[in-house]
Amino acid sequence: MTELAYILDGLRCAACGAVNTLWLDLICGLVECRECGQGAFLDPDHDGEDV
């Protein structure tokens, strides 16, 4: 089975400071640090404008 998660190369985790440990899972809409476990969900409906 193919893993549908991608490493976010060159980015640093804001929680623990580790580099190259952030993974993006597009199916779950989640970015997770594999070092400390901190995660954040993506908001696909957010267009970057404040309402």
N, C-alpha and C. Protein backbone atom coordinates (compact mmCIF):
# COMPACT_ATOMS: atom_id res chain seq x y z
N MET A 1 0.83 -1.18 0.00
CA MET A 1 0.00 0.00 0.00
C MET A 1 0.88 1.25 0.00
N THR A 2 0.51 2.24 -0.76
CA THR A 2 1.27 3.47 -0.86
C THR A 2 0.88 4.43 0.26
N GLU A 3 1.88 4.98 0.93
CA GLU A 3 1.62 5.95 1.98
C GLU A 3 1.31 7.30 1.34
N LEU A 4 0.23 7.92 1.76
CA LEU A 4 -0.19 9.19 1.19
C LEU A 4 0.18 10.37 2.07
N ALA A 5 1.33 10.28 2.72
CA ALA A 5 1.84 11.38 3.54
C ALA A 5 3.16 11.84 2.93
N TYR A 6 3.41 13.13 3.00
CA TYR A 6 4.58 13.71 2.39
C TYR A 6 5.35 14.53 3.41
N ILE A 7 6.70 14.42 3.39
CA ILE A 7 7.52 15.21 4.28
C ILE A 7 7.56 16.64 3.75
N LEU A 8 7.47 17.60 4.66
CA LEU A 8 7.57 19.01 4.30
C LEU A 8 9.02 19.40 4.50
N ASP A 9 9.81 19.20 3.48
CA ASP A 9 11.26 19.35 3.51
C ASP A 9 11.67 20.79 3.81
N GLY A 10 12.58 20.95 4.75
CA GLY A 10 13.15 22.24 5.07
C GLY A 10 12.36 23.06 6.07
N LEU A 11 11.22 22.55 6.54
CA LEU A 11 10.42 23.30 7.50
C LEU A 11 10.72 22.84 8.93
N ARG A 12 10.53 23.75 9.87
CA ARG A 12 10.82 23.50 11.28
C ARG A 12 9.52 23.45 12.07
N CYS A 13 9.44 22.53 13.01
CA CYS A 13 8.28 22.42 13.89
C CYS A 13 8.30 23.59 14.88
N ALA A 14 7.18 24.29 14.99
CA ALA A 14 7.09 25.43 15.91
C ALA A 14 7.09 24.98 17.37
N ALA A 15 6.68 23.76 17.64
CA ALA A 15 6.59 23.27 19.02
C ALA A 15 7.95 22.80 19.56
N CYS A 16 8.67 21.99 18.79
CA CYS A 16 9.92 21.41 19.30
C CYS A 16 11.17 21.91 18.58
N GLY A 17 11.01 22.57 17.44
CA GLY A 17 12.15 23.13 16.72
C GLY A 17 12.87 22.15 15.80
N ALA A 18 12.40 20.92 15.69
CA ALA A 18 13.05 19.93 14.83
C ALA A 18 12.83 20.27 13.36
N VAL A 19 13.84 20.03 12.55
CA VAL A 19 13.79 20.30 11.11
C VAL A 19 13.52 19.00 10.36
N ASN A 20 12.75 19.09 9.29
CA ASN A 20 12.45 17.95 8.41
C ASN A 20 11.71 16.82 9.12
N THR A 21 10.85 17.16 10.06
CA THR A 21 10.05 16.14 10.75
C THR A 21 8.56 16.35 10.56
N LEU A 22 8.18 17.37 9.77
CA LEU A 22 6.76 17.65 9.53
C LEU A 22 6.26 16.83 8.36
N TRP A 23 5.13 16.18 8.57
CA TRP A 23 4.51 15.35 7.54
C TRP A 23 3.12 15.88 7.22
N LEU A 24 2.80 15.92 5.95
CA LEU A 24 1.50 16.36 5.48
C LEU A 24 0.71 15.15 5.01
N ASP A 25 -0.45 14.95 5.60
CA ASP A 25 -1.36 13.87 5.19
C ASP A 25 -2.58 14.53 4.57
N LEU A 26 -2.65 14.51 3.24
CA LEU A 26 -3.72 15.18 2.52
C LEU A 26 -5.07 14.52 2.73
N ILE A 27 -5.09 13.20 2.91
CA ILE A 27 -6.35 12.49 3.11
C ILE A 27 -7.01 12.92 4.43
N CYS A 28 -6.23 13.00 5.48
CA CYS A 28 -6.75 13.40 6.80
C CYS A 28 -6.78 14.91 6.99
N GLY A 29 -6.08 15.65 6.12
CA GLY A 29 -5.99 17.09 6.29
C GLY A 29 -5.20 17.47 7.52
N LEU A 30 -4.06 16.82 7.73
CA LEU A 30 -3.29 16.96 8.96
C LEU A 30 -1.82 17.17 8.65
N VAL A 31 -1.20 18.09 9.39
CA VAL A 31 0.26 18.24 9.41
C VAL A 31 0.70 17.80 10.79
N GLU A 32 1.67 16.90 10.84
CA GLU A 32 2.10 16.34 12.12
C GLU A 32 3.62 16.29 12.20
N CYS A 33 4.15 16.60 13.39
CA CYS A 33 5.58 16.48 13.65
C CYS A 33 5.85 15.06 14.12
N ARG A 34 6.73 14.36 13.45
CA ARG A 34 7.06 12.99 13.83
C ARG A 34 8.03 12.94 15.01
N GLU A 35 8.58 14.09 15.38
CA GLU A 35 9.50 14.14 16.53
C GLU A 35 8.73 14.28 17.84
N CYS A 36 7.83 15.27 17.92
CA CYS A 36 7.15 15.55 19.19
C CYS A 36 5.67 15.17 19.18
N GLY A 37 5.10 14.89 18.00
CA GLY A 37 3.71 14.47 17.92
C GLY A 37 2.70 15.61 17.79
N GLN A 38 3.17 16.85 17.80
CA GLN A 38 2.27 17.99 17.65
C GLN A 38 1.63 17.94 16.27
N GLY A 39 0.34 18.25 16.21
CA GLY A 39 -0.35 18.21 14.94
C GLY A 39 -1.26 19.40 14.75
N ALA A 40 -1.63 19.64 13.50
CA ALA A 40 -2.54 20.72 13.16
C ALA A 40 -3.38 20.28 11.96
N PHE A 41 -4.68 20.57 12.04
CA PHE A 41 -5.57 20.25 10.93
C PHE A 41 -5.57 21.39 9.93
N LEU A 42 -5.71 21.05 8.66
CA LEU A 42 -5.78 22.03 7.58
C LEU A 42 -7.22 22.47 7.39
N ASP A 43 -7.42 23.72 7.00
CA ASP A 43 -8.75 24.25 6.71
C ASP A 43 -8.83 24.52 5.21
N PRO A 44 -9.36 23.56 4.44
CA PRO A 44 -9.37 23.72 2.98
C PRO A 44 -10.33 24.80 2.50
N ASP A 45 -11.27 25.25 3.34
CA ASP A 45 -12.22 26.27 2.93
C ASP A 45 -11.72 27.68 3.22
N HIS A 46 -10.62 27.81 3.93
CA HIS A 46 -10.08 29.12 4.28
C HIS A 46 -9.33 29.67 3.08
N ASP A 47 -9.74 30.84 2.58
CA ASP A 47 -9.12 31.42 1.40
C ASP A 47 -8.10 32.49 1.71
N GLY A 48 -7.77 32.68 2.99
CA GLY A 48 -6.75 33.63 3.37
C GLY A 48 -7.29 35.03 3.63
N GLU A 49 -8.57 35.26 3.44
CA GLU A 49 -9.15 36.58 3.66
C GLU A 49 -9.96 36.57 4.95
N ASP A 50 -9.80 37.63 5.73
CA ASP A 50 -10.59 37.78 6.95
C ASP A 50 -11.97 38.31 6.59
N VAL A 51 -12.99 37.78 7.22
CA VAL A 51 -14.36 38.22 6.93
C VAL A 51 -14.90 38.98 8.12
